[in-house]
Amino acid sequence: MTLTEEQSDVLRHATGHGSEQRNHYVDSPDSPLLATLVDLGLMNRSKPVAWMGGDCVYRVTEAGLAWLKEHAS
């Protein structure tokens, strides 16, 4: 699977560029970029969180982690 540079940057950022301590990315529930990653099965999305202004928490899935490992530079 080929991702855009922006998509791969989000996955790397969400995981702290390889940190085993981090796996989250906060953004709008209407983000087309994140929606694509969710549709591809590389991230999942929480329900909107009121105290975060309605934003969602996105987490990299096992498939997303595998993609990152396969495409590590």
Protein backbone atom coordinates (compact mmCIF):
# COMPACT_ATOMS: atom_id res chain seq x y z
CA MET A 1 0.00 0.00 0.00
CA THR A 2 1.34 3.40 -0.96
CA LEU A 3 0.61 6.43 1.21
CA THR A 4 1.17 10.09 0.57
CA GLU A 5 3.97 11.81 2.44
CA GLU A 6 1.39 13.62 4.58
CA GLN A 7 -0.36 10.35 5.51
CA SER A 8 2.89 8.63 6.46
CA ASP A 9 3.95 11.71 8.46
CA VAL A 10 0.74 11.48 10.52
CA LEU A 11 1.38 7.81 11.30
CA ARG A 12 4.95 8.56 12.32
CA HIS A 13 3.90 11.56 14.42
CA ALA A 14 1.14 9.57 16.15
CA THR A 15 3.68 6.97 17.23
CA GLY A 16 6.29 9.47 18.33
CA HIS A 17 8.51 8.58 15.37
CA GLY A 18 9.08 5.06 16.70
CA SER A 19 8.41 5.55 20.41
CA GLU A 20 6.76 2.59 22.07
CA GLN A 21 5.25 5.01 24.62
CA ARG A 22 3.03 6.99 22.23
CA ASN A 23 0.12 6.09 19.99
CA HIS A 24 -2.30 8.97 19.52
CA TYR A 25 -3.08 11.91 17.30
CA VAL A 26 -5.78 14.49 18.02
CA ASP A 27 -7.71 16.14 15.20
CA SER A 28 -11.17 17.05 14.00
CA PRO A 29 -13.67 14.25 13.32
CA ASP A 30 -14.07 15.85 9.87
CA SER A 31 -10.42 15.54 8.83
CA PRO A 32 -10.30 14.02 5.32
CA LEU A 33 -6.68 12.98 5.86
CA LEU A 34 -7.46 11.04 9.03
CA ALA A 35 -10.69 9.63 7.56
CA THR A 36 -8.66 8.08 4.76
CA LEU A 37 -6.26 6.46 7.23
CA VAL A 38 -9.24 5.10 9.19
CA ASP A 39 -10.85 3.78 5.97
CA LEU A 40 -7.56 2.07 5.08
CA GLY A 41 -7.54 0.36 8.48
CA LEU A 42 -4.30 2.08 9.53
CA MET A 43 -5.88 4.16 12.30
CA ASN A 44 -9.03 4.08 14.39
CA ARG A 45 -10.96 7.01 15.80
CA SER A 46 -12.62 7.73 19.13
CA LYS A 47 -15.94 9.47 19.46
CA PRO A 48 -15.67 13.26 19.64
CA VAL A 49 -14.48 14.37 23.08
CA ALA A 50 -16.37 17.37 24.47
CA TRP A 51 -13.58 18.70 26.68
CA MET A 52 -11.25 18.66 23.66
CA GLY A 53 -13.59 20.91 21.70
CA GLY A 54 -15.18 18.00 19.85
CA ASP A 55 -11.90 16.65 18.47
CA CYS A 56 -11.22 12.92 18.28
CA VAL A 57 -8.31 10.79 19.37
CA TYR A 58 -6.89 8.71 16.53
CA ARG A 59 -4.71 5.66 17.25
CA VAL A 60 -2.53 3.66 14.90
CA THR A 61 -3.82 0.11 14.45
CA GLU A 62 -1.73 -3.06 14.27
CA ALA A 63 -1.95 -2.76 10.47
CA GLY A 64 -0.65 0.81 10.71
CA LEU A 65 2.21 -0.27 12.95
CA ALA A 66 3.06 -3.02 10.48
CA TRP A 67 3.05 -0.49 7.63
CA LEU A 68 5.42 1.76 9.58
CA LYS A 69 7.76 -1.16 10.30
CA GLU A 70 7.74 -2.18 6.64
CA HIS A 71 8.47 1.38 5.51
CA ALA A 72 10.96 2.39 8.20
CA SER A 73 13.67 4.63 6.83
